[in-house]
């Protein structure tokens, strides 16, 4: 799909440039007519292009993008391949269901802050059903029962409150983001640490299982791999995609 999108964009740009470069034909004795669509008519000085990307940290971001590529290639993906080899698919599905159910706590917190009581009640229902009937969330009973699934974070909450995304930001290990979502990630992590639903304070050894499994599951369900798109403009394409998706998630 991505090469087709790039080809379509290139075709539109090519046609536009071709149209702009065509010189008017002058018949002897006639003055050339003014083109219907001049650049002044098409581009107003006070209109900002919707395609402008706020990336003042591009040098840093590109460095982090390359760092994430090496970390992904030499650390994360070998670990994920080992995880897939050692753990059968049904067990990996159970792990994924557990984390999806666990993140309902964060989602409920943000839905309350966003003023969405209906969604908050739906999330509460999912969490209650999967935690009990689904055995601590290992089985996704709620989805089979037709209960809607939502996933919200504090970055989206800030967006709902009217905070703009800020500058584009590539975080080490976490990948492409922006200033708003980076701050939201910190708040979500702090809230989860304060709430401590798995009682890490009294049982710190649980963290040695929880965090490695969370990292492996998160990477396992993401099909994207750095520098595998086949495009020399992968950084730009990923940047556009991430920013667009996040704005859609905020507006939904």
Protein backbone atom coordinates (compact mmCIF):
# COMPACT_ATOMS: atom_id res chain seq x y z
CA UNK A 1 0.00 0.00 0.00
CA UNK A 2 2.80 2.42 0.82
CA UNK A 3 4.57 2.23 -2.62
CA UNK A 4 1.20 2.83 -4.29
CA UNK A 5 0.65 5.88 -2.08
CA UNK A 6 4.10 7.24 -2.89
CA UNK A 7 3.49 6.65 -6.62
CA UNK A 8 0.15 8.48 -6.44
CA UNK A 9 1.71 11.45 -4.69
CA UNK A 10 4.55 11.54 -7.22
CA UNK A 11 2.06 11.38 -10.10
CA UNK A 12 0.01 14.28 -8.72
CA UNK A 13 3.14 16.38 -8.16
CA UNK A 14 4.39 15.52 -11.65
CA UNK A 15 1.12 16.56 -13.27
CA UNK A 16 1.04 19.75 -11.24
CA UNK A 17 4.59 20.67 -12.17
CA UNK A 18 3.90 19.79 -15.78
CA UNK A 19 0.87 22.05 -15.81
CA UNK A 20 2.76 24.92 -14.19
CA UNK A 21 5.66 24.66 -16.64
CA UNK A 22 3.49 24.83 -19.76
CA UNK A 23 3.98 28.14 -21.55
CA UNK A 24 0.98 29.93 -23.05
CA UNK A 25 0.70 29.75 -26.83
CA UNK A 26 0.91 33.20 -28.40
CA UNK A 27 -0.90 33.69 -31.67
CA UNK A 28 0.56 36.42 -33.82
CA UNK A 29 -0.93 39.76 -32.85
CA UNK A 30 -2.60 38.46 -29.67
CA UNK A 31 -1.43 39.02 -26.10
CA UNK A 32 -1.21 35.90 -23.96
CA UNK A 33 -4.14 35.41 -21.62
CA UNK A 34 -3.53 35.30 -17.90
CA UNK A 35 -3.73 31.71 -16.64
CA UNK A 36 -6.83 30.92 -14.61
CA UNK A 37 -4.89 29.50 -11.67
CA UNK A 38 -1.80 31.50 -10.89
CA UNK A 39 0.40 30.78 -7.89
CA UNK A 40 -0.93 33.95 -6.23
CA UNK A 41 -4.50 32.69 -6.56
CA UNK A 42 -3.65 29.19 -5.36
CA UNK A 43 -1.41 30.09 -2.41
CA UNK A 44 -2.43 32.83 -0.05
CA UNK A 45 0.34 34.38 2.01
CA UNK A 46 -1.62 34.03 5.25
CA UNK A 47 -2.58 30.39 4.76
CA UNK A 48 -0.32 27.77 6.32
CA UNK A 49 0.14 24.59 4.35
CA UNK A 50 -1.41 21.55 6.05
CA UNK A 51 1.64 19.56 5.01
CA UNK A 52 4.08 21.53 7.16
CA UNK A 53 5.69 19.21 9.72
CA UNK A 54 6.92 20.62 13.02
CA UNK A 55 10.27 18.87 13.35
CA UNK A 56 12.81 21.35 14.78
CA UNK A 57 14.66 18.44 16.47
CA UNK A 58 15.20 16.60 13.20
CA UNK A 59 18.93 16.06 13.77
CA UNK A 60 18.33 14.49 17.17
CA UNK A 61 15.30 12.56 15.89
CA UNK A 62 17.21 11.03 12.99
CA UNK A 63 19.96 9.96 15.39
CA UNK A 64 17.38 8.34 17.66
CA UNK A 65 15.75 6.70 14.64
CA UNK A 66 19.07 5.05 13.73
CA UNK A 67 19.66 4.11 17.37
CA UNK A 68 16.24 2.44 17.52
CA UNK A 69 17.04 0.59 14.31
CA UNK A 70 20.19 -0.92 15.81
CA UNK A 71 18.47 -1.68 19.13
CA UNK A 72 15.60 -3.31 17.26
CA UNK A 73 17.86 -5.33 14.98
CA UNK A 74 20.38 -6.56 17.51
CA UNK A 75 18.37 -6.74 20.75
CA UNK A 76 14.58 -6.60 20.45
CA UNK A 77 13.94 -8.69 17.34
CA UNK A 78 16.30 -11.54 18.38
CA UNK A 79 14.53 -11.57 21.75
CA UNK A 80 11.11 -11.62 20.04
CA UNK A 81 12.14 -14.46 17.73
CA UNK A 82 13.30 -16.45 20.77
CA UNK A 83 10.02 -15.62 22.52
CA UNK A 84 8.04 -16.88 19.53
CA UNK A 85 10.13 -20.05 19.35
CA UNK A 86 9.85 -20.93 23.05
CA UNK A 87 6.27 -19.82 23.79
CA UNK A 88 3.39 -21.43 21.83
CA UNK A 89 0.91 -19.10 20.13
CA UNK A 90 -1.98 -19.82 22.58
CA UNK A 91 0.19 -18.78 25.51
CA UNK A 92 1.38 -15.65 23.69
CA UNK A 93 -2.27 -14.78 23.01
CA UNK A 94 -2.97 -15.16 26.72
CA UNK A 95 -0.09 -12.81 27.55
CA UNK A 96 -1.42 -10.26 25.07
CA UNK A 97 -4.93 -10.54 26.50
CA UNK A 98 -3.55 -9.98 29.99
CA UNK A 99 -1.79 -6.75 29.03
CA UNK A 100 -4.76 -5.49 27.03
CA UNK A 101 -6.94 -6.06 30.06
CA UNK A 102 -4.40 -4.51 32.42
CA UNK A 103 -4.20 -1.34 30.30
CA UNK A 104 -7.95 -0.91 30.75
CA UNK A 105 -7.07 0.71 34.09
CA UNK A 106 -5.13 3.45 32.32
CA UNK A 107 -7.85 3.77 29.69
CA UNK A 108 -10.57 4.21 32.33
CA UNK A 109 -8.50 6.89 34.09
CA UNK A 110 -8.12 8.86 30.85
CA UNK A 111 -11.74 8.42 29.77
CA UNK A 112 -12.84 9.95 33.07
CA UNK A 113 -10.49 12.89 32.52
CA UNK A 114 -11.79 13.30 28.98
CA UNK A 115 -15.39 13.46 30.23
CA UNK A 116 -16.56 10.31 28.43
CA UNK A 117 -18.69 8.44 30.98
CA UNK A 118 -20.22 5.98 28.49
CA UNK A 119 -16.83 4.78 27.31
CA UNK A 120 -15.58 4.67 30.90
CA UNK A 121 -18.50 2.38 31.83
CA UNK A 122 -17.79 0.15 28.83
CA UNK A 123 -14.14 -0.12 29.82
CA UNK A 124 -15.11 -0.92 33.40
CA UNK A 125 -17.42 -3.67 32.15
CA UNK A 126 -14.69 -5.18 29.97
CA UNK A 127 -12.20 -5.12 32.82
CA UNK A 128 -14.65 -6.75 35.25
CA UNK A 129 -15.65 -9.52 32.83
CA UNK A 130 -12.13 -10.35 31.64
CA UNK A 131 -10.60 -10.16 35.12
CA UNK A 132 -13.16 -12.61 36.54
CA UNK A 133 -14.50 -14.85 33.78
CA UNK A 134 -11.34 -14.39 31.74
CA UNK A 135 -9.07 -15.48 34.61
CA UNK A 136 -7.08 -12.29 35.27
CA UNK A 137 -7.49 -11.27 31.63
CA UNK A 138 -5.79 -14.30 30.07
CA UNK A 139 -8.96 -14.90 28.02
CA UNK A 140 -10.78 -12.11 26.19
CA UNK A 141 -14.31 -13.08 27.13
CA UNK A 142 -15.57 -9.49 26.74
CA UNK A 143 -14.78 -9.32 23.01
CA UNK A 144 -16.62 -12.59 22.39
CA UNK A 145 -19.56 -11.05 24.23
CA UNK A 146 -19.50 -8.05 21.87
CA UNK A 147 -18.29 -5.52 24.43
CA UNK A 148 -16.48 -2.58 22.74
CA UNK A 149 -12.77 -2.10 23.33
CA UNK A 150 -11.15 1.32 23.81
CA UNK A 151 -7.57 2.29 24.44
CA UNK A 152 -6.80 5.79 25.70
CA UNK A 153 -3.67 7.44 27.05
CA UNK A 154 -2.84 10.77 28.63
CA UNK A 155 -1.42 12.10 25.36
CA UNK A 156 -4.89 11.73 23.84
CA UNK A 157 -6.38 13.32 26.96
CA UNK A 158 -4.16 16.36 26.52
CA UNK A 159 -5.25 16.52 22.88
CA UNK A 160 -8.91 16.44 23.90
CA UNK A 161 -8.22 19.33 26.28
CA UNK A 162 -6.87 21.35 23.36
CA UNK A 163 -3.13 20.87 23.73
CA UNK A 164 -1.35 20.68 20.39
CA UNK A 165 1.09 17.87 19.60
CA UNK A 166 4.13 20.11 19.79
CA UNK A 167 7.35 19.19 18.05
CA UNK A 168 7.87 15.77 16.54
CA UNK A 169 10.01 13.60 18.81
CA UNK A 170 11.62 10.18 18.36
CA UNK A 171 12.07 8.56 21.75
CA UNK A 172 14.77 5.95 22.38
CA UNK A 173 13.21 2.46 22.33
CA UNK A 174 9.64 3.87 22.33
CA UNK A 175 10.00 5.23 18.79
CA UNK A 176 8.21 8.07 16.96
CA UNK A 177 6.07 10.39 19.07
CA UNK A 178 5.75 14.10 19.86
CA UNK A 179 6.23 16.36 22.87
CA UNK A 180 2.61 16.04 24.02
CA UNK A 181 2.53 12.26 23.81
CA UNK A 182 5.95 11.94 25.41
CA UNK A 183 4.67 13.91 28.41
CA UNK A 184 1.52 11.79 28.38
CA UNK A 185 3.58 8.62 28.50
CA UNK A 186 5.39 9.89 31.59
CA UNK A 187 2.09 10.72 33.32
CA UNK A 188 0.57 7.32 32.49
CA UNK A 189 3.67 5.55 33.84
CA UNK A 190 3.64 7.64 37.01
CA UNK A 191 -0.07 6.96 37.55
CA UNK A 192 0.40 3.22 37.11
CA UNK A 193 3.37 3.24 39.49
CA UNK A 194 1.37 5.17 42.09
CA UNK A 195 -1.68 2.92 41.76
CA UNK A 196 0.47 -0.24 41.82
CA UNK A 197 -2.37 -2.66 40.87
CA UNK A 198 0.01 -5.65 40.79
CA UNK A 199 1.44 -4.80 44.21
CA UNK A 200 5.04 -4.40 43.05
CA UNK A 201 5.93 -2.61 46.29
CA UNK A 202 5.36 -5.73 48.37
CA UNK A 203 6.42 -8.18 45.65
CA UNK A 204 9.23 -6.53 43.64
CA UNK A 205 10.18 -9.86 42.04
CA UNK A 206 6.98 -9.64 39.96
CA UNK A 207 8.54 -6.80 37.98
CA UNK A 208 11.18 -9.19 36.62
CA UNK A 209 8.40 -11.09 34.87
CA UNK A 210 6.03 -8.23 34.08
CA UNK A 211 8.35 -5.80 32.27
CA UNK A 212 10.22 -8.27 30.03
CA UNK A 213 6.92 -9.85 28.98
CA UNK A 214 5.37 -6.43 28.33
CA UNK A 215 8.32 -5.42 26.14
CA UNK A 216 8.27 -8.71 24.23
CA UNK A 217 4.51 -8.61 23.71
CA UNK A 218 4.57 -4.96 22.61
CA UNK A 219 7.28 -5.62 20.02
CA UNK A 220 5.74 -8.92 18.95
CA UNK A 221 2.46 -7.34 17.85
CA UNK A 222 4.08 -4.56 15.80
CA UNK A 223 4.86 -5.72 12.25
CA UNK A 224 6.92 -2.64 11.34
CA UNK A 225 10.68 -3.00 11.04
CA UNK A 226 13.08 -0.11 10.57
CA UNK A 227 14.44 0.49 7.05
CA UNK A 228 12.28 -2.24 5.53
CA UNK A 229 9.77 -0.05 3.70
CA UNK A 230 11.87 0.10 0.56
CA UNK A 231 11.61 3.89 0.49
CA UNK A 232 14.60 6.27 0.73
CA UNK A 233 12.23 8.64 2.56
CA UNK A 234 11.21 6.23 5.30
CA UNK A 235 11.87 8.75 8.08
CA UNK A 236 9.52 11.27 6.45
CA UNK A 237 6.85 8.64 5.72
CA UNK A 238 6.87 7.28 9.27
CA UNK A 239 6.77 10.81 10.68
CA UNK A 240 3.72 11.72 8.59
CA UNK A 241 1.95 8.47 9.40
CA UNK A 242 2.51 8.69 13.16
CA UNK A 243 1.40 12.32 13.42
CA UNK A 244 -1.69 11.67 11.30
CA UNK A 245 -2.72 8.57 13.26
CA UNK A 246 -2.33 10.35 16.58
CA UNK A 247 -4.48 13.26 15.49
CA UNK A 248 -7.16 10.84 14.31
CA UNK A 249 -7.04 9.06 17.68
CA UNK A 250 -7.43 12.36 19.50
CA UNK A 251 -10.37 13.41 17.33
CA UNK A 252 -12.28 10.13 17.40
